[in-house]
Amino acid sequence: MKTMVIIDDELWTREVIKKLVSWSALGLKLVGEATDGETGFELIKKVHPDIVITDVRMPRLNGIALVKKLRREGFNRPVIMISGYDDYAYVREALKLGVTDYLLKPIRQEELNEQLQRCLTQSNDELKATISTTLNADLFADMWWHTSYDAIEKKLTTALIVGNRSMVKEQFEYLLKMLTSDQSNYPSSDVLIGVYYALLFTLQKYIQSV
């Protein structure tokens, strides 16, 4: 049976995760919880879990710093990050550290269990390769389309606020063209995941504002 720990300063979130996980079906066992990154780090060193679920923003040591510390210590097992903050910088840092996925609160049961299954089927060698690749990639940095993407995101936000459907459609069409027009510069899967979450954050922020 594989093991997992949950690190989150919110008791409610930890309890929700425990309720949502299909423990028996996945063959998973919870072996510990922590309320901050420092305590979580010590817990992980002690129990050596197969999977870590951690929040991004926590006291003492945040999720990003925790994963950096774990990677430096040679912990190459799957990590799933969760957050309620619409800040793409966190997604970018998380992906660079080779996390398996980055889930937004409120957590959806199907999505959570799908990612846990992915963690269980991903071999250690595959994960090491992912971490090695992503640690050496800066996702959006120094890419020719980074500035263009920022402009699209701003225009999309404006279009959503004013209710301009044609402009929303236009921006998505332009983004698709930008991502597919030059195959030699086609972005990696990590970058595409980043684009997905950035757009998701934009839409979520708009929905919360109306």
C-alpha atoms as a PDB file:
ATOM      1  CA  MET A   1       0.000   0.000   0.000  1.00  0.00           C
ATOM      2  CA  LYS A   2       1.278   3.462  -0.935  1.00  0.00           C
ATOM      3  CA  THR A   3       1.430   6.273   1.619  1.00  0.00           C
ATOM      4  CA  MET A   4       0.566   9.973   1.576  1.00  0.00           C
ATOM      5  CA  VAL A   5       0.854  13.062   3.779  1.00  0.00           C
ATOM      6  CA  ILE A   6      -1.229  16.251   3.738  1.00  0.00           C
ATOM      7  CA  ILE A   7       0.339  19.609   4.594  1.00  0.00           C
ATOM      8  CA  ASP A   8      -2.032  22.558   4.989  1.00  0.00           C
ATOM      9  CA  ASP A   9      -2.554  25.125   7.725  1.00  0.00           C
ATOM     10  CA  GLU A  10      -6.345  24.946   7.308  1.00  0.00           C
ATOM     11  CA  LEU A  11      -7.977  22.098   9.237  1.00  0.00           C
ATOM     12  CA  TRP A  12     -11.048  22.309   7.014  1.00  0.00           C
ATOM     13  CA  THR A  13      -9.013  21.774   3.849  1.00  0.00           C
ATOM     14  CA  ARG A  14      -7.227  18.769   5.317  1.00  0.00           C
ATOM     15  CA  GLU A  15     -10.531  17.236   6.345  1.00  0.00           C
ATOM     16  CA  VAL A  16     -12.043  17.850   2.900  1.00  0.00           C
ATOM     17  CA  ILE A  17      -9.093  16.168   1.194  1.00  0.00           C
ATOM     18  CA  LYS A  18      -9.417  13.156   3.480  1.00  0.00           C
ATOM     19  CA  LYS A  19     -13.107  12.893   2.603  1.00  0.00           C
ATOM     20  CA  LEU A  20     -12.548  13.251  -1.144  1.00  0.00           C
ATOM     21  CA  VAL A  21      -9.718  10.749  -1.612  1.00  0.00           C
ATOM     22  CA  SER A  22     -10.762   7.255  -2.725  1.00  0.00           C
ATOM     23  CA  TRP A  23      -8.350   5.591  -0.306  1.00  0.00           C
ATOM     24  CA  SER A  24      -9.299   1.941  -0.850  1.00  0.00           C
ATOM     25  CA  ALA A  25      -9.698   2.178  -4.613  1.00  0.00           C
ATOM     26  CA  LEU A  26      -6.304   3.840  -4.991  1.00  0.00           C
ATOM     27  CA  GLY A  27      -4.568   1.665  -2.427  1.00  0.00           C
ATOM     28  CA  LEU A  28      -3.491   4.730  -0.454  1.00  0.00           C
ATOM     29  CA  LYS A  29      -2.939   5.238   3.257  1.00  0.00           C
ATOM     30  CA  LEU A  30      -2.637   8.551   5.120  1.00  0.00           C
ATOM     31  CA  VAL A  31       0.455   8.472   7.334  1.00  0.00           C
ATOM     32  CA  GLY A  32       0.576  12.037   8.623  1.00  0.00           C
ATOM     33  CA  GLU A  33      -0.573  15.650   8.561  1.00  0.00           C
ATOM     34  CA  ALA A  34       1.188  18.955   9.167  1.00  0.00           C
ATOM     35  CA  THR A  35       0.042  22.561   9.533  1.00  0.00           C
ATOM     36  CA  ASP A  36       3.101  24.342   8.121  1.00  0.00           C
ATOM     37  CA  GLY A  37       6.021  23.731   5.806  1.00  0.00           C
ATOM     38  CA  GLU A  38       8.693  23.266   8.467  1.00  0.00           C
ATOM     39  CA  THR A  39       6.677  20.665  10.343  1.00  0.00           C
ATOM     40  CA  GLY A  40       5.754  19.086   7.024  1.00  0.00           C
ATOM     41  CA  PHE A  41       9.405  18.800   6.033  1.00  0.00           C
ATOM     42  CA  GLU A  42      10.260  16.988   9.262  1.00  0.00           C
ATOM     43  CA  LEU A  43       7.234  14.723   8.818  1.00  0.00           C
ATOM     44  CA  ILE A  44       8.286  13.794   5.290  1.00  0.00           C
ATOM     45  CA  LYS A  45      11.829  12.991   6.441  1.00  0.00           C
ATOM     46  CA  LYS A  46      10.378  10.746   9.129  1.00  0.00           C
ATOM     47  CA  VAL A  47       7.711   8.787   7.230  1.00  0.00           C
ATOM     48  CA  HIS A  48       9.035   8.940   3.613  1.00  0.00           C
ATOM     49  CA  PRO A  49       5.595   9.121   1.938  1.00  0.00           C
ATOM     50  CA  ASP A  50       5.005   8.096  -1.655  1.00  0.00           C
ATOM     51  CA  ILE A  51       2.871  11.204  -2.318  1.00  0.00           C
ATOM     52  CA  VAL A  52       2.773  14.683  -0.779  1.00  0.00           C
ATOM     53  CA  ILE A  53      -0.185  17.059  -0.978  1.00  0.00           C
ATOM     54  CA  THR A  54       0.725  20.558   0.171  1.00  0.00           C
ATOM     55  CA  ASP A  55      -0.814  24.010   0.216  1.00  0.00           C
ATOM     56  CA  VAL A  56       1.117  26.909  -1.308  1.00  0.00           C
ATOM     57  CA  ARG A  57       0.696  29.601   1.344  1.00  0.00           C
ATOM     58  CA  MET A  58       1.460  28.417   4.867  1.00  0.00           C
ATOM     59  CA  PRO A  59       3.197  29.738   7.989  1.00  0.00           C
ATOM     60  CA  ARG A  60       6.939  29.333   8.580  1.00  0.00           C
ATOM     61  CA  LEU A  61       7.708  27.684   5.232  1.00  0.00           C
ATOM     62  CA  ASN A  62       5.429  27.978   2.210  1.00  0.00           C
ATOM     63  CA  GLY A  63       4.729  25.188  -0.239  1.00  0.00           C
ATOM     64  CA  ILE A  64       7.174  26.385  -2.891  1.00  0.00           C
ATOM     65  CA  ALA A  65      10.020  26.674  -0.378  1.00  0.00           C
ATOM     66  CA  LEU A  66       9.103  23.278   1.050  1.00  0.00           C
ATOM     67  CA  VAL A  67       9.331  21.551  -2.330  1.00  0.00           C
ATOM     68  CA  LYS A  68      12.614  23.310  -3.125  1.00  0.00           C
ATOM     69  CA  LYS A  69      14.006  22.046   0.167  1.00  0.00           C
ATOM     70  CA  LEU A  70      12.743  18.524  -0.516  1.00  0.00           C
ATOM     71  CA  ARG A  71      14.265  18.466  -4.008  1.00  0.00           C
ATOM     72  CA  ARG A  72      17.620  19.621  -2.642  1.00  0.00           C
ATOM     73  CA  GLU A  73      17.454  16.759  -0.146  1.00  0.00           C
ATOM     74  CA  GLY A  74      16.841  14.297  -2.981  1.00  0.00           C
ATOM     75  CA  PHE A  75      13.126  13.727  -2.395  1.00  0.00           C
ATOM     76  CA  ASN A  76      11.925  12.950  -5.928  1.00  0.00           C
ATOM     77  CA  ARG A  77       8.472  11.589  -5.183  1.00  0.00           C
ATOM     78  CA  PRO A  78       5.241  13.122  -6.539  1.00  0.00           C
ATOM     79  CA  VAL A  79       3.939  16.367  -5.039  1.00  0.00           C
ATOM     80  CA  ILE A  80       0.501  17.861  -5.647  1.00  0.00           C
ATOM     81  CA  MET A  81       0.096  21.544  -4.777  1.00  0.00           C
ATOM     82  CA  ILE A  82      -3.189  23.193  -3.859  1.00  0.00           C
ATOM     83  CA  SER A  83      -4.016  26.862  -3.623  1.00  0.00           C
ATOM     84  CA  GLY A  84      -6.863  29.334  -3.584  1.00  0.00           C
ATOM     85  CA  TYR A  85      -4.717  32.184  -4.861  1.00  0.00           C
ATOM     86  CA  ASP A  86      -4.978  33.407  -8.447  1.00  0.00           C
ATOM     87  CA  ASP A  87      -1.288  34.066  -8.903  1.00  0.00           C
ATOM     88  CA  TYR A  88       0.387  32.458 -11.890  1.00  0.00           C
ATOM     89  CA  ALA A  89       3.820  32.995 -10.335  1.00  0.00           C
ATOM     90  CA  TYR A  90       3.061  30.159  -7.937  1.00  0.00           C
ATOM     91  CA  VAL A  91       2.066  27.849 -10.792  1.00  0.00           C
ATOM     92  CA  ARG A  92       5.268  28.661 -12.641  1.00  0.00           C
ATOM     93  CA  GLU A  93       7.460  27.984  -9.621  1.00  0.00           C
ATOM     94  CA  ALA A  94       5.576  24.780  -8.836  1.00  0.00           C
ATOM     95  CA  LEU A  95       5.972  23.445 -12.379  1.00  0.00           C
ATOM     96  CA  LYS A  96       9.664  24.303 -12.392  1.00  0.00           C
ATOM     97  CA  LEU A  97      10.051  22.100  -9.323  1.00  0.00           C
ATOM     98  CA  GLY A  98       8.445  19.162 -11.068  1.00  0.00           C
ATOM     99  CA  VAL A  99       5.202  18.982  -9.115  1.00  0.00           C
ATOM    100  CA  THR A 100       2.679  16.540 -10.546  1.00  0.00           C
ATOM    101  CA  ASP A 101      -0.130  19.078 -10.633  1.00  0.00           C
ATOM    102  CA  TYR A 102      -1.437  22.313  -9.183  1.00  0.00           C
ATOM    103  CA  LEU A 103      -5.051  22.191  -8.029  1.00  0.00           C
ATOM    104  CA  LEU A 104      -7.275  25.156  -7.259  1.00  0.00           C
ATOM    105  CA  LYS A 105      -9.561  25.356  -4.255  1.00  0.00           C
ATOM    106  CA  PRO A 106     -12.326  24.336  -3.974  1.00  0.00           C
ATOM    107  CA  ILE A 107     -10.885  20.926  -4.769  1.00  0.00           C
ATOM    108  CA  ARG A 108     -12.944  18.675  -7.021  1.00  0.00           C
ATOM    109  CA  GLN A 109     -13.085  14.992  -6.101  1.00  0.00           C
ATOM    110  CA  GLU A 110     -12.708  13.629  -9.623  1.00  0.00           C
ATOM    111  CA  GLU A 111      -9.750  15.863 -10.419  1.00  0.00           C
ATOM    112  CA  LEU A 112      -8.010  15.070  -7.122  1.00  0.00           C
ATOM    113  CA  ASN A 113      -8.339  11.306  -7.540  1.00  0.00           C
ATOM    114  CA  GLU A 114      -7.236  11.478 -11.171  1.00  0.00           C
ATOM    115  CA  GLN A 115      -4.052  13.239 -10.127  1.00  0.00           C
ATOM    116  CA  LEU A 116      -3.423  10.805  -7.298  1.00  0.00           C
ATOM    117  CA  GLN A 117      -3.774   7.936  -9.782  1.00  0.00           C
ATOM    118  CA  ARG A 118      -1.300   9.709 -12.027  1.00  0.00           C
ATOM    119  CA  CYS A 119       1.131   9.958  -9.120  1.00  0.00           C
ATOM    120  CA  LEU A 120       0.808   6.246  -8.416  1.00  0.00           C
ATOM    121  CA  THR A 121       1.470   5.213 -12.012  1.00  0.00           C
ATOM    122  CA  GLN A 122       4.367   7.586 -12.594  1.00  0.00           C
ATOM    123  CA  SER A 123       7.643   5.750 -12.147  1.00  0.00           C
ATOM    124  CA  ASN A 124      10.459   7.207 -10.073  1.00  0.00           C
ATOM    125  CA  ASP A 125      12.680   7.477 -13.154  1.00  0.00           C
ATOM    126  CA  GLU A 126       9.977   9.381 -15.053  1.00  0.00           C
ATOM    127  CA  LEU A 127       9.567  11.809 -12.171  1.00  0.00           C
ATOM    128  CA  LYS A 128      13.316  12.385 -11.905  1.00  0.00           C
ATOM    129  CA  ALA A 129      13.417  13.124 -15.629  1.00  0.00           C
ATOM    130  CA  THR A 130      10.521  15.573 -15.260  1.00  0.00           C
ATOM    131  CA  ILE A 131      12.199  17.354 -12.366  1.00  0.00           C
ATOM    132  CA  SER A 132      15.499  17.544 -14.223  1.00  0.00           C
ATOM    133  CA  THR A 133      13.795  19.040 -17.279  1.00  0.00           C
ATOM    134  CA  THR A 134      11.617  21.525 -15.445  1.00  0.00           C
ATOM    135  CA  LEU A 135      14.343  22.717 -13.115  1.00  0.00           C
ATOM    136  CA  ASN A 136      16.318  23.767 -16.187  1.00  0.00           C
ATOM    137  CA  ALA A 137      13.368  25.501 -17.850  1.00  0.00           C
ATOM    138  CA  ASP A 138      12.056  28.938 -16.975  1.00  0.00           C
ATOM    139  CA  LEU A 139       8.716  28.302 -18.718  1.00  0.00           C
ATOM    140  CA  PHE A 140       7.777  31.775 -19.904  1.00  0.00           C
ATOM    141  CA  ALA A 141      11.115  33.555 -19.405  1.00  0.00           C
ATOM    142  CA  ASP A 142      12.976  34.720 -22.537  1.00  0.00           C
ATOM    143  CA  MET A 143      10.412  33.206 -24.908  1.00  0.00           C
ATOM    144  CA  TRP A 144       9.390  35.245 -27.936  1.00  0.00           C
ATOM    145  CA  TRP A 145       5.688  34.968 -27.209  1.00  0.00           C
ATOM    146  CA  HIS A 146       5.792  35.864 -23.503  1.00  0.00           C
ATOM    147  CA  THR A 147       5.040  39.545 -24.132  1.00  0.00           C
ATOM    148  CA  SER A 148       2.286  38.643 -26.579  1.00  0.00           C
ATOM    149  CA  TYR A 149       0.667  36.304 -24.066  1.00  0.00           C
ATOM    150  CA  ASP A 150       0.657  38.989 -21.377  1.00  0.00           C
ATOM    151  CA  ALA A 151      -1.074  41.350 -23.805  1.00  0.00           C
ATOM    152  CA  ILE A 152      -3.685  38.704 -24.637  1.00  0.00           C
ATOM    153  CA  GLU A 153      -4.406  38.064 -20.966  1.00  0.00           C
ATOM    154  CA  LYS A 154      -4.928  41.783 -20.310  1.00  0.00           C
ATOM    155  CA  LYS A 155      -7.228  42.165 -23.320  1.00  0.00           C
ATOM    156  CA  LEU A 156      -9.149  39.055 -22.311  1.00  0.00           C
ATOM    157  CA  THR A 157      -9.685  40.416 -18.809  1.00  0.00           C
ATOM    158  CA  THR A 158     -10.945  43.712 -20.231  1.00  0.00           C
ATOM    159  CA  ALA A 159     -13.252  41.918 -22.671  1.00  0.00           C
ATOM    160  CA  LEU A 160     -14.758  39.829 -19.881  1.00  0.00           C
ATOM    161  CA  ILE A 161     -15.354  42.873 -17.700  1.00  0.00           C
ATOM    162  CA  VAL A 162     -17.132  44.830 -20.435  1.00  0.00           C
ATOM    163  CA  GLY A 163     -18.945  41.765 -21.772  1.00  0.00           C
ATOM    164  CA  ASN A 164     -17.423  41.942 -25.251  1.00  0.00           C
ATOM    165  CA  ARG A 165     -17.919  38.379 -26.532  1.00  0.00           C
ATOM    166  CA  SER A 166     -16.376  38.989 -29.936  1.00  0.00           C
ATOM    167  CA  MET A 167     -13.216  40.310 -28.300  1.00  0.00           C
ATOM    168  CA  VAL A 168     -13.053  37.268 -26.002  1.00  0.00           C
ATOM    169  CA  LYS A 169     -13.323  34.972 -29.036  1.00  0.00           C
ATOM    170  CA  GLU A 170     -10.737  37.024 -30.901  1.00  0.00           C
ATOM    171  CA  GLN A 171      -8.196  36.720 -28.074  1.00  0.00           C
ATOM    172  CA  PHE A 172      -8.616  32.952 -27.804  1.00  0.00           C
ATOM    173  CA  GLU A 173      -8.229  32.592 -31.569  1.00  0.00           C
ATOM    174  CA  TYR A 174      -5.100  34.730 -31.504  1.00  0.00           C
ATOM    175  CA  LEU A 175      -3.669  32.686 -28.627  1.00  0.00           C
ATOM    176  CA  LEU A 176      -4.291  29.456 -30.540  1.00  0.00           C
ATOM    177  CA  LYS A 177      -2.580  30.899 -33.599  1.00  0.00           C
ATOM    178  CA  MET A 178       0.357  32.088 -31.506  1.00  0.00           C
ATOM    179  CA  LEU A 179       0.844  28.645 -29.968  1.00  0.00           C
ATOM    180  CA  THR A 180       0.593  26.706 -33.231  1.00  0.00           C
ATOM    181  CA  SER A 181       1.932  28.945 -35.998  1.00  0.00           C
ATOM    182  CA  ASP A 182       5.644  28.283 -35.430  1.00  0.00           C
ATOM    183  CA  GLN A 183       6.262  24.579 -34.836  1.00  0.00           C
ATOM    184  CA  SER A 184       9.967  25.180 -34.223  1.00  0.00           C
ATOM    185  CA  ASN A 185       9.026  27.260 -31.181  1.00  0.00           C
ATOM    186  CA  TYR A 186       6.114  25.081 -30.079  1.00  0.00           C
ATOM    187  CA  PRO A 187       5.884  25.304 -26.293  1.00  0.00           C
ATOM    188  CA  SER A 188       6.536  22.338 -24.047  1.00  0.00           C
ATOM    189  CA  SER A 189       3.782  20.587 -22.121  1.00  0.00           C
ATOM    190  CA  ASP A 190       4.863  22.479 -18.986  1.00  0.00           C
ATOM    191  CA  VAL A 191       4.296  25.796 -20.736  1.00  0.00           C
ATOM    192  CA  LEU A 192       0.913  24.683 -22.053  1.00  0.00           C
ATOM    193  CA  ILE A 193      -0.092  23.719 -18.519  1.00  0.00           C
ATOM    194  CA  GLY A 194       1.019  27.168 -17.420  1.00  0.00           C
ATOM    195  CA  VAL A 195      -1.105  28.807 -20.116  1.00  0.00           C
ATOM    196  CA  TYR A 196      -4.078  26.693 -19.044  1.00  0.00           C
ATOM    197  CA  TYR A 197      -3.808  27.738 -15.411  1.00  0.00           C
ATOM    198  CA  ALA A 198      -3.174  31.377 -16.256  1.00  0.00           C
ATOM    199  CA  LEU A 199      -6.364  31.448 -18.318  1.00  0.00           C
ATOM    200  CA  LEU A 200      -8.222  29.544 -15.628  1.00  0.00           C
ATOM    201  CA  PHE A 201      -7.137  32.108 -13.033  1.00  0.00           C
ATOM    202  CA  THR A 202      -8.323  34.943 -15.289  1.00  0.00           C
ATOM    203  CA  LEU A 203     -11.739  33.346 -15.779  1.00  0.00           C
ATOM    204  CA  GLN A 204     -12.063  32.441 -12.098  1.00  0.00           C
ATOM    205  CA  LYS A 205     -11.223  35.982 -11.064  1.00  0.00           C
ATOM    206  CA  TYR A 206     -13.877  37.321 -13.434  1.00  0.00           C
ATOM    207  CA  ILE A 207     -16.530  34.876 -12.186  1.00  0.00           C
ATOM    208  CA  GLN A 208     -15.824  35.822  -8.568  1.00  0.00           C
ATOM    209  CA  SER A 209     -16.217  39.509  -9.406  1.00  0.00           C
ATOM    210  CA  VAL A 210     -19.697  39.271 -10.959  1.00  0.00           C
END
